Amino acid sequence: MDYTELPVYFVIALLILKILDYFLPELPVSPQKLDRKQPRQRPLQRQTTDGTVLWIRERQDCAEHKLKASNLPDGAYHHPALVVRRNLSSHPKHALICVLTTMKGRNVEDARSRYVWHQYIPIFPLTKVDTSQPQLFFEERNNLRAGYVNVKNLYTIHWSALKQWRGFPPNSPRLTSDSIKTVEKHLRRHGYAGELREN
């Protein structure tokens, strides 16, 4: 462009724009500004239903002051958990859970004494020890390792200690409604009728 043919004030304005363009960095554009209708992700507690399988964080990743009402033993952290009750009237922001175990890839009859087999309910495709034992099913097929729900112990835990099971976005695996009822039935047999009734 031949700047000699332009008015002086116009040439000065062009030079100022070029200088600003050279020295000022390009400002990042916020994704929220590009899409103001972008939905906000709901908290885990609100998007989880009873019967959902989540993951318990490691103890050191949890805030100690939020675990005061939890009765989860140290050995149960960093394990999968079945949410039995997601809302507790007695302890807000807490859930009732049962811990899942894979028995390190073994069947319960090989890993535990026959006197405690009834404490572990198999999830399909694991088979039942005998015809009197129940079996649990997921709503949809998934690639979870076969495991058991331990109905001997029912724990209270703060929601901050739970997270989505990695590899199952946006929804974690969930048991069928009949399977959830089966778990609750056996929890009552183990003395947790009061906890289930109150929450």
N, C-alpha and C. Protein backbone atom coordinates (compact mmCIF):
# COMPACT_ATOMS: atom_id res chain seq x y z
N MET A 1 0.86 -1.19 0.00
CA MET A 1 0.00 0.00 0.00
C MET A 1 0.89 1.24 0.00
N ASP A 2 0.54 2.24 -0.83
CA ASP A 2 1.30 3.48 -0.92
C ASP A 2 0.71 4.47 0.07
N TYR A 3 1.39 4.61 1.25
CA TYR A 3 0.89 5.46 2.30
C TYR A 3 0.93 6.94 1.93
N THR A 4 1.74 7.33 0.87
CA THR A 4 1.87 8.75 0.48
C THR A 4 0.58 9.29 -0.10
N GLU A 5 -0.31 8.39 -0.57
CA GLU A 5 -1.56 8.84 -1.16
C GLU A 5 -2.66 9.02 -0.12
N LEU A 6 -2.45 8.65 1.14
CA LEU A 6 -3.45 8.73 2.20
C LEU A 6 -3.22 9.96 3.06
N PRO A 7 -4.28 10.48 3.69
CA PRO A 7 -4.11 11.61 4.61
C PRO A 7 -3.20 11.21 5.77
N VAL A 8 -2.54 12.16 6.35
CA VAL A 8 -1.57 11.90 7.42
C VAL A 8 -2.22 11.24 8.62
N TYR A 9 -3.40 11.72 9.04
CA TYR A 9 -4.06 11.16 10.23
C TYR A 9 -4.46 9.71 10.02
N PHE A 10 -4.79 9.34 8.76
CA PHE A 10 -5.16 7.96 8.46
C PHE A 10 -3.95 7.03 8.52
N VAL A 11 -2.81 7.55 8.02
CA VAL A 11 -1.56 6.78 8.07
C VAL A 11 -1.16 6.55 9.53
N ILE A 12 -1.31 7.57 10.38
CA ILE A 12 -0.96 7.44 11.79
C ILE A 12 -1.84 6.39 12.47
N ALA A 13 -3.14 6.41 12.14
CA ALA A 13 -4.07 5.45 12.73
C ALA A 13 -3.71 4.02 12.33
N LEU A 14 -3.35 3.80 11.07
CA LEU A 14 -2.95 2.45 10.61
C LEU A 14 -1.69 1.98 11.33
N LEU A 15 -0.72 2.89 11.49
CA LEU A 15 0.52 2.52 12.17
C LEU A 15 0.25 2.14 13.63
N ILE A 16 -0.64 2.90 14.30
CA ILE A 16 -0.98 2.59 15.69
C ILE A 16 -1.63 1.22 15.79
N LEU A 17 -2.53 0.89 14.88
CA LEU A 17 -3.20 -0.42 14.88
C LEU A 17 -2.19 -1.55 14.68
N LYS A 18 -1.23 -1.34 13.76
CA LYS A 18 -0.23 -2.38 13.51
C LYS A 18 0.66 -2.59 14.73
N ILE A 19 1.01 -1.47 15.42
CA ILE A 19 1.85 -1.58 16.62
C ILE A 19 1.10 -2.33 17.72
N LEU A 20 -0.19 -2.00 17.92
CA LEU A 20 -0.99 -2.68 18.95
C LEU A 20 -1.15 -4.16 18.63
N ASP A 21 -1.35 -4.46 17.36
CA ASP A 21 -1.53 -5.85 16.94
C ASP A 21 -0.26 -6.66 17.17
N TYR A 22 0.88 -6.01 17.10
CA TYR A 22 2.15 -6.71 17.26
C TYR A 22 2.46 -6.97 18.73
N PHE A 23 2.18 -5.98 19.58
CA PHE A 23 2.59 -6.08 20.97
C PHE A 23 1.55 -6.71 21.89
N LEU A 24 0.28 -6.61 21.58
CA LEU A 24 -0.75 -7.17 22.45
C LEU A 24 -0.98 -8.64 22.14
N PRO A 25 -0.93 -9.54 23.16
CA PRO A 25 -1.17 -10.97 22.91
C PRO A 25 -2.65 -11.21 22.62
N GLU A 26 -2.90 -12.30 21.93
CA GLU A 26 -4.28 -12.65 21.63
C GLU A 26 -4.96 -13.15 22.90
N LEU A 27 -6.09 -12.56 23.24
CA LEU A 27 -6.78 -12.91 24.46
C LEU A 27 -7.57 -14.19 24.27
N PRO A 28 -7.47 -15.15 25.24
CA PRO A 28 -8.24 -16.40 25.11
C PRO A 28 -9.73 -16.14 25.25
N VAL A 29 -10.50 -16.89 24.53
CA VAL A 29 -11.95 -16.77 24.58
C VAL A 29 -12.50 -17.83 25.52
N SER A 30 -13.26 -17.43 26.50
CA SER A 30 -13.83 -18.36 27.47
C SER A 30 -14.84 -19.26 26.78
N PRO A 31 -14.79 -20.60 27.05
CA PRO A 31 -15.78 -21.51 26.46
C PRO A 31 -17.20 -21.14 26.87
N GLN A 32 -17.36 -20.56 28.08
CA GLN A 32 -18.69 -20.19 28.52
C GLN A 32 -19.25 -19.06 27.66
N LYS A 33 -18.34 -18.17 27.18
CA LYS A 33 -18.81 -17.09 26.33
C LYS A 33 -19.18 -17.59 24.95
N LEU A 34 -18.52 -18.64 24.48
CA LEU A 34 -18.84 -19.20 23.18
C LEU A 34 -20.17 -19.91 23.23
N ASP A 35 -20.48 -20.53 24.36
CA ASP A 35 -21.73 -21.26 24.48
C ASP A 35 -22.33 -20.98 25.85
N ARG A 36 -23.13 -19.95 25.92
CA ARG A 36 -23.73 -19.55 27.19
C ARG A 36 -24.78 -20.55 27.66
N LYS A 37 -25.24 -21.42 26.78
CA LYS A 37 -26.26 -22.39 27.14
C LYS A 37 -25.66 -23.72 27.56
N GLN A 38 -24.32 -23.75 27.73
CA GLN A 38 -23.65 -24.97 28.13
C GLN A 38 -24.17 -25.44 29.48
N PRO A 39 -24.70 -26.67 29.58
CA PRO A 39 -25.28 -27.13 30.85
C PRO A 39 -24.22 -27.33 31.92
N ARG A 40 -24.57 -27.00 33.15
CA ARG A 40 -23.66 -27.22 34.28
C ARG A 40 -23.78 -28.66 34.75
N GLN A 41 -22.64 -29.25 35.09
CA GLN A 41 -22.64 -30.63 35.56
C GLN A 41 -23.24 -30.71 36.95
N ARG A 42 -24.17 -31.63 37.14
CA ARG A 42 -24.82 -31.78 38.43
C ARG A 42 -23.87 -32.45 39.42
N PRO A 43 -23.98 -32.12 40.71
CA PRO A 43 -23.17 -32.81 41.72
C PRO A 43 -23.44 -34.31 41.69
N LEU A 44 -22.44 -35.08 42.09
CA LEU A 44 -22.54 -36.54 42.03
C LEU A 44 -23.74 -37.05 42.81
N GLN A 45 -24.01 -36.46 43.97
CA GLN A 45 -25.12 -36.93 44.80
C GLN A 45 -26.46 -36.79 44.07
N ARG A 46 -26.63 -35.72 43.32
CA ARG A 46 -27.89 -35.46 42.63
C ARG A 46 -28.07 -36.35 41.40
N GLN A 47 -26.97 -36.76 40.77
CA GLN A 47 -27.10 -37.55 39.55
C GLN A 47 -26.99 -39.06 39.83
N THR A 48 -26.89 -39.42 41.10
CA THR A 48 -26.77 -40.83 41.47
C THR A 48 -28.09 -41.32 42.07
N THR A 49 -28.46 -42.54 41.75
CA THR A 49 -29.66 -43.16 42.32
C THR A 49 -29.26 -44.37 43.15
N ASP A 50 -30.18 -44.81 44.01
CA ASP A 50 -29.92 -46.02 44.79
C ASP A 50 -29.65 -47.18 43.85
N GLY A 51 -28.64 -47.98 44.18
CA GLY A 51 -28.28 -49.11 43.34
C GLY A 51 -27.12 -48.83 42.40
N THR A 52 -26.59 -47.60 42.43
CA THR A 52 -25.47 -47.23 41.57
C THR A 52 -24.16 -47.69 42.20
N VAL A 53 -23.24 -48.14 41.36
CA VAL A 53 -21.92 -48.54 41.82
C VAL A 53 -20.94 -47.39 41.58
N LEU A 54 -20.33 -46.90 42.64
CA LEU A 54 -19.35 -45.83 42.56
C LEU A 54 -18.00 -46.33 43.08
N TRP A 55 -17.04 -45.43 43.14
CA TRP A 55 -15.70 -45.78 43.62
C TRP A 55 -15.39 -44.96 44.87
N ILE A 56 -14.86 -45.62 45.89
CA ILE A 56 -14.46 -44.93 47.12
C ILE A 56 -13.04 -44.41 46.93
N ARG A 57 -12.85 -43.13 47.19
CA ARG A 57 -11.52 -42.55 47.05
C ARG A 57 -10.56 -43.13 48.10
N GLU A 58 -9.28 -42.90 47.89
CA GLU A 58 -8.30 -43.30 48.90
C GLU A 58 -8.44 -42.39 50.13
N ARG A 59 -8.13 -42.91 51.27
CA ARG A 59 -8.31 -42.17 52.53
C ARG A 59 -7.57 -40.84 52.50
N GLN A 60 -6.36 -40.82 52.00
CA GLN A 60 -5.56 -39.59 52.01
C GLN A 60 -6.12 -38.53 51.06
N ASP A 61 -7.02 -38.93 50.16
CA ASP A 61 -7.63 -37.97 49.25
C ASP A 61 -8.93 -37.37 49.80
N CYS A 62 -9.30 -37.76 51.00
CA CYS A 62 -10.54 -37.29 51.61
C CYS A 62 -10.24 -36.31 52.75
N ALA A 63 -11.08 -35.31 52.88
CA ALA A 63 -10.93 -34.34 53.97
C ALA A 63 -11.34 -35.01 55.28
N GLU A 64 -10.45 -35.03 56.26
CA GLU A 64 -10.71 -35.74 57.50
C GLU A 64 -11.94 -35.21 58.24
N HIS A 65 -12.17 -33.89 58.19
CA HIS A 65 -13.30 -33.33 58.94
C HIS A 65 -14.64 -33.77 58.35
N LYS A 66 -14.63 -34.25 57.09
CA LYS A 66 -15.87 -34.71 56.47
C LYS A 66 -16.11 -36.20 56.70
N LEU A 67 -15.16 -36.86 57.35
CA LEU A 67 -15.28 -38.29 57.59
C LEU A 67 -15.67 -38.61 59.03
N LYS A 68 -16.00 -37.57 59.81
CA LYS A 68 -16.32 -37.79 61.22
C LYS A 68 -17.53 -38.69 61.41
N ALA A 69 -18.52 -38.57 60.53
CA ALA A 69 -19.74 -39.38 60.66
C ALA A 69 -19.63 -40.70 59.89
N SER A 70 -18.52 -40.90 59.20
CA SER A 70 -18.33 -42.13 58.43
C SER A 70 -17.80 -43.24 59.33
N ASN A 71 -18.25 -44.45 59.07
CA ASN A 71 -17.77 -45.60 59.85
C ASN A 71 -17.07 -46.61 58.95
N LEU A 72 -16.51 -46.12 57.86
CA LEU A 72 -15.83 -47.00 56.91
C LEU A 72 -14.43 -47.34 57.41
N PRO A 73 -14.09 -48.62 57.50
CA PRO A 73 -12.73 -48.99 57.94
C PRO A 73 -11.70 -48.62 56.87
N ASP A 74 -10.47 -48.42 57.29
CA ASP A 74 -9.41 -48.00 56.37
C ASP A 74 -9.24 -48.96 55.19
N GLY A 75 -9.43 -50.26 55.44
CA GLY A 75 -9.22 -51.24 54.38
C GLY A 75 -10.26 -51.21 53.28
N ALA A 76 -11.36 -50.47 53.52
CA ALA A 76 -12.44 -50.43 52.52
C ALA A 76 -12.28 -49.28 51.53
N TYR A 77 -11.38 -48.35 51.83
CA TYR A 77 -11.16 -47.25 50.89
C TYR A 77 -10.50 -47.78 49.62
N HIS A 78 -10.69 -47.04 48.52
CA HIS A 78 -10.13 -47.42 47.22
C HIS A 78 -10.73 -48.75 46.75
N HIS A 79 -12.05 -48.88 46.93
CA HIS A 79 -12.80 -50.05 46.49
C HIS A 79 -14.11 -49.59 45.86
N PRO A 80 -14.72 -50.44 45.06
CA PRO A 80 -16.06 -50.11 44.55
C PRO A 80 -17.09 -50.21 45.65
N ALA A 81 -18.16 -49.43 45.52
CA ALA A 81 -19.21 -49.42 46.55
C ALA A 81 -20.58 -49.33 45.89
N LEU A 82 -21.54 -50.01 46.49
CA LEU A 82 -22.93 -49.96 46.04
C LEU A 82 -23.68 -48.95 46.90
N VAL A 83 -24.28 -47.95 46.26
CA VAL A 83 -25.06 -46.96 46.99
C VAL A 83 -26.43 -47.56 47.31
N VAL A 84 -26.70 -47.75 48.60
CA VAL A 84 -27.98 -48.31 49.04
C VAL A 84 -28.99 -47.20 49.30
N ARG A 85 -28.54 -46.11 49.92
CA ARG A 85 -29.36 -44.93 50.15
C ARG A 85 -28.50 -43.70 49.82
N ARG A 86 -28.96 -42.89 48.90
CA ARG A 86 -28.14 -41.73 48.51
C ARG A 86 -28.42 -40.51 49.36
N ASN A 87 -29.58 -40.44 50.01
CA ASN A 87 -29.93 -39.31 50.87
C ASN A 87 -30.22 -39.83 52.28
N LEU A 88 -29.53 -39.30 53.28
CA LEU A 88 -29.74 -39.71 54.65
C LEU A 88 -30.33 -38.55 55.45
N SER A 89 -31.47 -38.78 56.06
CA SER A 89 -32.08 -37.75 56.89
C SER A 89 -31.28 -37.54 58.17
N SER A 90 -30.63 -38.59 58.64
CA SER A 90 -29.85 -38.50 59.88
C SER A 90 -28.50 -37.82 59.66
N HIS A 91 -27.93 -37.98 58.47
CA HIS A 91 -26.63 -37.38 58.15
C HIS A 91 -26.68 -36.79 56.74
N PRO A 92 -27.04 -35.51 56.62
CA PRO A 92 -27.05 -34.86 55.30
C PRO A 92 -25.69 -34.95 54.62
N LYS A 93 -25.71 -35.05 53.30
CA LYS A 93 -24.50 -35.15 52.48
C LYS A 93 -23.75 -36.46 52.72
N HIS A 94 -24.44 -37.46 53.24
CA HIS A 94 -23.87 -38.80 53.43
C HIS A 94 -24.72 -39.84 52.70
N ALA A 95 -24.13 -40.97 52.45
CA ALA A 95 -24.83 -42.08 51.80
C ALA A 95 -24.60 -43.37 52.57
N LEU A 96 -25.52 -44.31 52.41
CA LEU A 96 -25.33 -45.67 52.94
C LEU A 96 -24.80 -46.54 51.81
N ILE A 97 -23.72 -47.25 52.07
CA ILE A 97 -23.10 -48.06 51.03
C ILE A 97 -22.75 -49.45 51.53
N CYS A 98 -22.64 -50.38 50.59
CA CYS A 98 -22.04 -51.69 50.81
C CYS A 98 -20.80 -51.77 49.93
N VAL A 99 -19.78 -52.41 50.42
CA VAL A 99 -18.54 -52.54 49.65
C VAL A 99 -18.61 -53.76 48.75
N LEU A 100 -18.08 -53.62 47.54
CA LEU A 100 -18.00 -54.74 46.60
C LEU A 100 -16.61 -55.34 46.65
N THR A 101 -16.53 -56.62 46.41
CA THR A 101 -15.24 -57.31 46.37
C THR A 101 -15.20 -58.30 45.22
N THR A 102 -14.03 -58.46 44.63
CA THR A 102 -13.85 -59.44 43.56
C THR A 102 -13.20 -60.72 44.08
N MET A 103 -12.92 -60.77 45.37
CA MET A 103 -12.24 -61.92 45.98
C MET A 103 -10.91 -62.21 45.28
N LYS A 104 -10.32 -61.14 44.72
CA LYS A 104 -9.05 -61.28 43.98
C LYS A 104 -9.16 -62.30 42.85
N GLY A 105 -10.34 -62.30 42.21
CA GLY A 105 -10.53 -63.17 41.05
C GLY A 105 -10.97 -64.58 41.39
N ARG A 106 -11.19 -64.86 42.68
CA ARG A 106 -11.61 -66.21 43.07
C ARG A 106 -13.10 -66.25 43.37
N ASN A 107 -13.68 -67.44 43.42
CA ASN A 107 -15.06 -67.62 43.83
C ASN A 107 -15.13 -67.59 45.36
N VAL A 108 -16.30 -67.23 45.87
CA VAL A 108 -16.44 -67.11 47.32
C VAL A 108 -16.20 -68.45 48.01
N GLU A 109 -16.58 -69.57 47.37
CA GLU A 109 -16.39 -70.86 48.02
C GLU A 109 -14.92 -71.24 48.14
N ASP A 110 -14.06 -70.61 47.30
CA ASP A 110 -12.62 -70.86 47.39
C ASP A 110 -11.92 -69.86 48.29
N ALA A 111 -12.51 -68.66 48.43
CA ALA A 111 -11.85 -67.59 49.16
C ALA A 111 -12.34 -67.43 50.60
N ARG A 112 -13.54 -67.94 50.93
CA ARG A 112 -14.10 -67.74 52.25
C ARG A 112 -14.64 -69.04 52.82
N SER A 113 -14.78 -69.08 54.14
CA SER A 113 -15.37 -70.22 54.80
C SER A 113 -16.84 -70.34 54.42
N ARG A 114 -17.36 -71.55 54.35
CA ARG A 114 -18.76 -71.76 53.97
C ARG A 114 -19.72 -71.09 54.94
N TYR A 115 -19.26 -70.80 56.15
CA TYR A 115 -20.12 -70.18 57.17
C TYR A 115 -20.40 -68.70 56.88
N VAL A 116 -19.65 -68.10 55.96
CA VAL A 116 -19.88 -66.69 55.64
C VAL A 116 -20.29 -66.49 54.17
N TRP A 117 -20.55 -67.56 53.47
CA TRP A 117 -20.95 -67.43 52.07
C TRP A 117 -22.19 -66.55 51.93
N HIS A 118 -23.11 -66.65 52.88
CA HIS A 118 -24.38 -65.92 52.78
C HIS A 118 -24.18 -64.41 52.90
N GLN A 119 -22.98 -63.98 53.31
CA GLN A 119 -22.71 -62.55 53.44
C GLN A 119 -22.36 -61.91 52.10
N TYR A 120 -22.10 -62.72 51.11
CA TYR A 120 -21.65 -62.21 49.81
C TYR A 120 -22.64 -62.63 48.71
N ILE A 121 -23.28 -61.65 48.08
CA ILE A 121 -24.23 -61.94 47.01
C ILE A 121 -23.55 -61.73 45.66
N PRO A 122 -23.51 -62.76 44.81
CA PRO A 122 -22.81 -62.63 43.54
C PRO A 122 -23.55 -61.76 42.53
N ILE A 123 -22.79 -61.03 41.74
CA ILE A 123 -23.33 -60.25 40.63
C ILE A 123 -23.04 -61.01 39.34
N PHE A 124 -24.07 -61.20 38.53
CA PHE A 124 -23.89 -61.90 37.25
C PHE A 124 -22.73 -61.28 36.48
N PRO A 125 -21.83 -62.09 35.87
CA PRO A 125 -21.98 -63.52 35.55
C PRO A 125 -21.47 -64.51 36.59
N LEU A 126 -21.11 -64.05 37.78
CA LEU A 126 -20.74 -65.01 38.82
C LEU A 126 -21.94 -65.90 39.14
N THR A 127 -21.67 -67.16 39.38
CA THR A 127 -22.75 -68.11 39.66
C THR A 127 -23.01 -68.23 41.15
N LYS A 128 -24.19 -68.69 41.49
CA LYS A 128 -24.58 -68.88 42.88
C LYS A 128 -23.93 -70.13 43.45
N VAL A 129 -23.65 -70.10 44.74
CA VAL A 129 -23.07 -71.27 45.40
C VAL A 129 -24.09 -72.41 45.42
N ASP A 130 -25.36 -72.08 45.70
CA ASP A 130 -26.43 -73.08 45.67
C ASP A 130 -27.71 -72.40 45.21
N THR A 131 -28.74 -73.17 45.00
CA THR A 131 -29.99 -72.65 44.45
C THR A 131 -30.70 -71.69 45.40
N SER A 132 -30.41 -71.77 46.70
CA SER A 132 -31.07 -70.89 47.66
C SER A 132 -30.45 -69.50 47.70
N GLN A 133 -29.28 -69.34 47.11
CA GLN A 133 -28.59 -68.05 47.14
C GLN A 133 -29.10 -67.15 46.02
N PRO A 134 -29.31 -65.85 46.29
CA PRO A 134 -29.77 -64.94 45.24
C PRO A 134 -28.64 -64.56 44.30
N GLN A 135 -29.00 -63.89 43.23
CA GLN A 135 -28.01 -63.40 42.27
C GLN A 135 -28.44 -62.00 41.82
N LEU A 136 -27.48 -61.12 41.65
CA LEU A 136 -27.76 -59.73 41.29
C LEU A 136 -27.41 -59.48 39.83
N PHE A 137 -28.08 -58.47 39.25
CA PHE A 137 -27.87 -58.15 37.84
C PHE A 137 -27.77 -56.64 37.64
N PHE A 138 -26.95 -56.24 36.68
CA PHE A 138 -26.86 -54.84 36.30
C PHE A 138 -27.95 -54.53 35.26
N GLU A 139 -28.34 -53.26 35.20
CA GLU A 139 -29.35 -52.85 34.22
C GLU A 139 -28.84 -53.02 32.80
N GLU A 140 -27.56 -52.72 32.59
CA GLU A 140 -26.96 -52.84 31.27
C GLU A 140 -25.65 -53.60 31.38
N ARG A 141 -25.27 -54.20 30.26
CA ARG A 141 -23.99 -54.91 30.24
C ARG A 141 -22.85 -53.93 30.38
N ASN A 142 -21.79 -54.35 31.06
CA ASN A 142 -20.61 -53.51 31.22
C ASN A 142 -19.39 -54.40 31.36
N ASN A 143 -18.23 -53.78 31.42
CA ASN A 143 -16.99 -54.56 31.50
C ASN A 143 -16.39 -54.59 32.90
N LEU A 144 -17.26 -54.47 33.91
CA LEU A 144 -16.78 -54.59 35.28
C LEU A 144 -16.30 -56.01 35.57
N ARG A 145 -15.29 -56.11 36.42
CA ARG A 145 -14.86 -57.43 36.86
C ARG A 145 -15.97 -58.03 37.73
N ALA A 146 -16.16 -59.31 37.58
CA ALA A 146 -17.20 -60.00 38.36
C ALA A 146 -16.90 -59.84 39.85
N GLY A 147 -17.96 -59.60 40.63
CA GLY A 147 -17.74 -59.38 42.05
C GLY A 147 -18.96 -59.74 42.89
N TYR A 148 -18.82 -59.47 44.19
CA TYR A 148 -19.85 -59.77 45.17
C TYR A 148 -20.18 -58.51 45.97
N VAL A 149 -21.43 -58.40 46.41
CA VAL A 149 -21.83 -57.33 47.33
C VAL A 149 -21.79 -57.90 48.74
N ASN A 150 -21.01 -57.27 49.60
CA ASN A 150 -20.90 -57.72 50.98
C ASN A 150 -22.05 -57.09 51.78
N VAL A 151 -23.06 -57.90 52.12
CA VAL A 151 -24.23 -57.39 52.84
C VAL A 151 -24.10 -57.56 54.35
N LYS A 152 -22.94 -57.98 54.81
CA LYS A 152 -22.71 -58.11 56.24
C LYS A 152 -22.53 -56.75 56.90
N ASN A 153 -21.98 -55.79 56.13
CA ASN A 153 -21.68 -54.48 56.68
C ASN A 153 -22.32 -53.38 55.83
N LEU A 154 -22.97 -52.44 56.51
CA LEU A 154 -23.56 -51.27 55.86
C LEU A 154 -22.87 -50.05 56.44
N TYR A 155 -22.31 -49.22 55.58
CA TYR A 155 -21.49 -48.10 56.04
C TYR A 155 -22.13 -46.76 55.69
N THR A 156 -21.81 -45.75 56.51
CA THR A 156 -22.17 -44.37 56.24
C THR A 156 -20.92 -43.65 55.77
N ILE A 157 -21.03 -42.89 54.68
CA ILE A 157 -19.85 -42.22 54.13
C ILE A 157 -20.26 -40.88 53.52
N HIS A 158 -19.37 -39.90 53.64
CA HIS A 158 -19.62 -38.57 53.07
C HIS A 158 -19.48 -38.64 51.55
N TRP A 159 -20.31 -37.87 50.87
CA TRP A 159 -20.31 -37.91 49.39
C TRP A 159 -18.99 -37.47 48.79
N SER A 160 -18.23 -36.66 49.50
CA SER A 160 -16.94 -36.21 48.96
C SER A 160 -15.94 -37.35 48.84
N ALA A 161 -16.20 -38.47 49.54
CA ALA A 161 -15.30 -39.62 49.48
C ALA A 161 -15.65 -40.57 48.33
N LEU A 162 -16.70 -40.24 47.57
CA LEU A 162 -17.13 -41.07 46.45
C LEU A 162 -16.89 -40.36 45.13
N LYS A 163 -16.70 -41.14 44.06
CA LYS A 163 -16.54 -40.56 42.74
C LYS A 163 -17.07 -41.54 41.70
N GLN A 164 -17.27 -41.02 40.48
CA GLN A 164 -17.71 -41.88 39.39
C GLN A 164 -16.66 -42.95 39.13
N TRP A 165 -17.15 -44.12 38.75
CA TRP A 165 -16.21 -45.19 38.41
C TRP A 165 -15.54 -44.82 37.10
N ARG A 166 -14.23 -44.75 37.10
CA ARG A 166 -13.47 -44.34 35.92
C ARG A 166 -13.76 -45.29 34.75
N GLY A 167 -14.05 -44.70 33.60
CA GLY A 167 -14.32 -45.50 32.41
C GLY A 167 -15.79 -45.70 32.14
N PHE A 168 -16.66 -45.08 33.00
CA PHE A 168 -18.10 -45.23 32.81
C PHE A 168 -18.81 -43.88 32.77
N PRO A 169 -18.29 -42.92 32.00
CA PRO A 169 -19.01 -41.65 31.91
C PRO A 169 -20.20 -41.79 30.98
N PRO A 170 -21.28 -40.99 31.16
CA PRO A 170 -21.44 -40.11 32.31
C PRO A 170 -22.11 -40.81 33.49
N ASN A 171 -22.55 -42.04 33.30
CA ASN A 171 -23.29 -42.73 34.36
C ASN A 171 -22.55 -44.00 34.79
N SER A 172 -22.47 -44.21 36.09
CA SER A 172 -21.86 -45.43 36.60
C SER A 172 -22.84 -46.59 36.48
N PRO A 173 -22.35 -47.84 36.55
CA PRO A 173 -23.23 -49.00 36.46
C PRO A 173 -24.27 -49.00 37.57
N ARG A 174 -25.43 -49.56 37.30
CA ARG A 174 -26.52 -49.58 38.28
C ARG A 174 -27.20 -50.94 38.27
N LEU A 175 -27.53 -51.44 39.47
CA LEU A 175 -28.24 -52.70 39.59
C LEU A 175 -29.71 -52.52 39.19
N THR A 176 -30.33 -53.61 38.80
CA THR A 176 -31.76 -53.57 38.50
C THR A 176 -32.54 -53.31 39.79
N SER A 177 -33.78 -52.87 39.65
CA SER A 177 -34.61 -52.58 40.82
C SER A 177 -34.83 -53.84 41.67
N ASP A 178 -35.01 -55.00 41.02
CA ASP A 178 -35.18 -56.25 41.78
C ASP A 178 -33.91 -56.60 42.55
N SER A 179 -32.76 -56.33 41.95
CA SER A 179 -31.50 -56.62 42.64
C SER A 179 -31.32 -55.72 43.85
N ILE A 180 -31.72 -54.44 43.74
CA ILE A 180 -31.62 -53.53 44.86
C ILE A 180 -32.50 -54.01 46.01
N LYS A 181 -33.70 -54.47 45.69
CA LYS A 181 -34.61 -54.98 46.72
C LYS A 181 -34.01 -56.22 47.39
N THR A 182 -33.32 -57.05 46.61
CA THR A 182 -32.68 -58.24 47.17
C THR A 182 -31.59 -57.84 48.16
N VAL A 183 -30.79 -56.85 47.81
CA VAL A 183 -29.73 -56.37 48.71
C VAL A 183 -30.34 -55.85 50.01
N GLU A 184 -31.39 -55.04 49.90
CA GLU A 184 -32.03 -54.48 51.10
C GLU A 184 -32.63 -55.59 51.97
N LYS A 185 -33.20 -56.59 51.35
CA LYS A 185 -33.78 -57.72 52.09
C LYS A 185 -32.71 -58.40 52.94
N HIS A 186 -31.54 -58.62 52.36
CA HIS A 186 -30.48 -59.31 53.10
C HIS A 186 -29.82 -58.39 54.12
N LEU A 187 -29.80 -57.10 53.87
CA LEU A 187 -29.29 -56.17 54.87
C LEU A 187 -30.18 -56.17 56.12
N ARG A 188 -31.48 -56.27 55.91
CA ARG A 188 -32.40 -56.34 57.05
C ARG A 188 -32.15 -57.61 57.87
N ARG A 189 -31.85 -58.70 57.19
CA ARG A 189 -31.56 -59.95 57.89
C ARG A 189 -30.30 -59.83 58.73
N HIS A 190 -29.41 -58.94 58.33
CA HIS A 190 -28.16 -58.76 59.07
C HIS A 190 -28.28 -57.64 60.10
N GLY A 191 -29.50 -57.17 60.35
CA GLY A 191 -29.72 -56.23 61.43
C GLY A 191 -29.75 -54.76 61.06
N TYR A 192 -29.92 -54.43 59.79
CA TYR A 192 -29.90 -53.03 59.37
C TYR A 192 -31.29 -52.51 59.00
N ALA A 193 -32.32 -53.14 59.52
CA ALA A 193 -33.70 -52.70 59.23
C ALA A 193 -33.91 -51.26 59.70
N GLY A 194 -33.37 -50.93 60.86
CA GLY A 194 -33.54 -49.57 61.41
C GLY A 194 -32.92 -48.52 60.52
N GLU A 195 -31.69 -48.76 60.07
CA GLU A 195 -31.01 -47.79 59.21
C GLU A 195 -31.76 -47.57 57.90
N LEU A 196 -32.28 -48.66 57.32
CA LEU A 196 -33.00 -48.54 56.05
C LEU A 196 -34.35 -47.86 56.24
N ARG A 197 -34.96 -48.08 57.39
CA ARG A 197 -36.29 -47.50 57.64
C ARG A 197 -36.19 -46.01 57.93
N GLU A 198 -35.13 -45.60 58.59
CA GLU A 198 -34.99 -44.20 58.99
C GLU A 198 -34.56 -43.31 57.83
N ASN A 199 -33.99 -43.89 56.77
CA ASN A 199 -33.45 -43.06 55.69
C ASN A 199 -34.12 -43.40 54.37
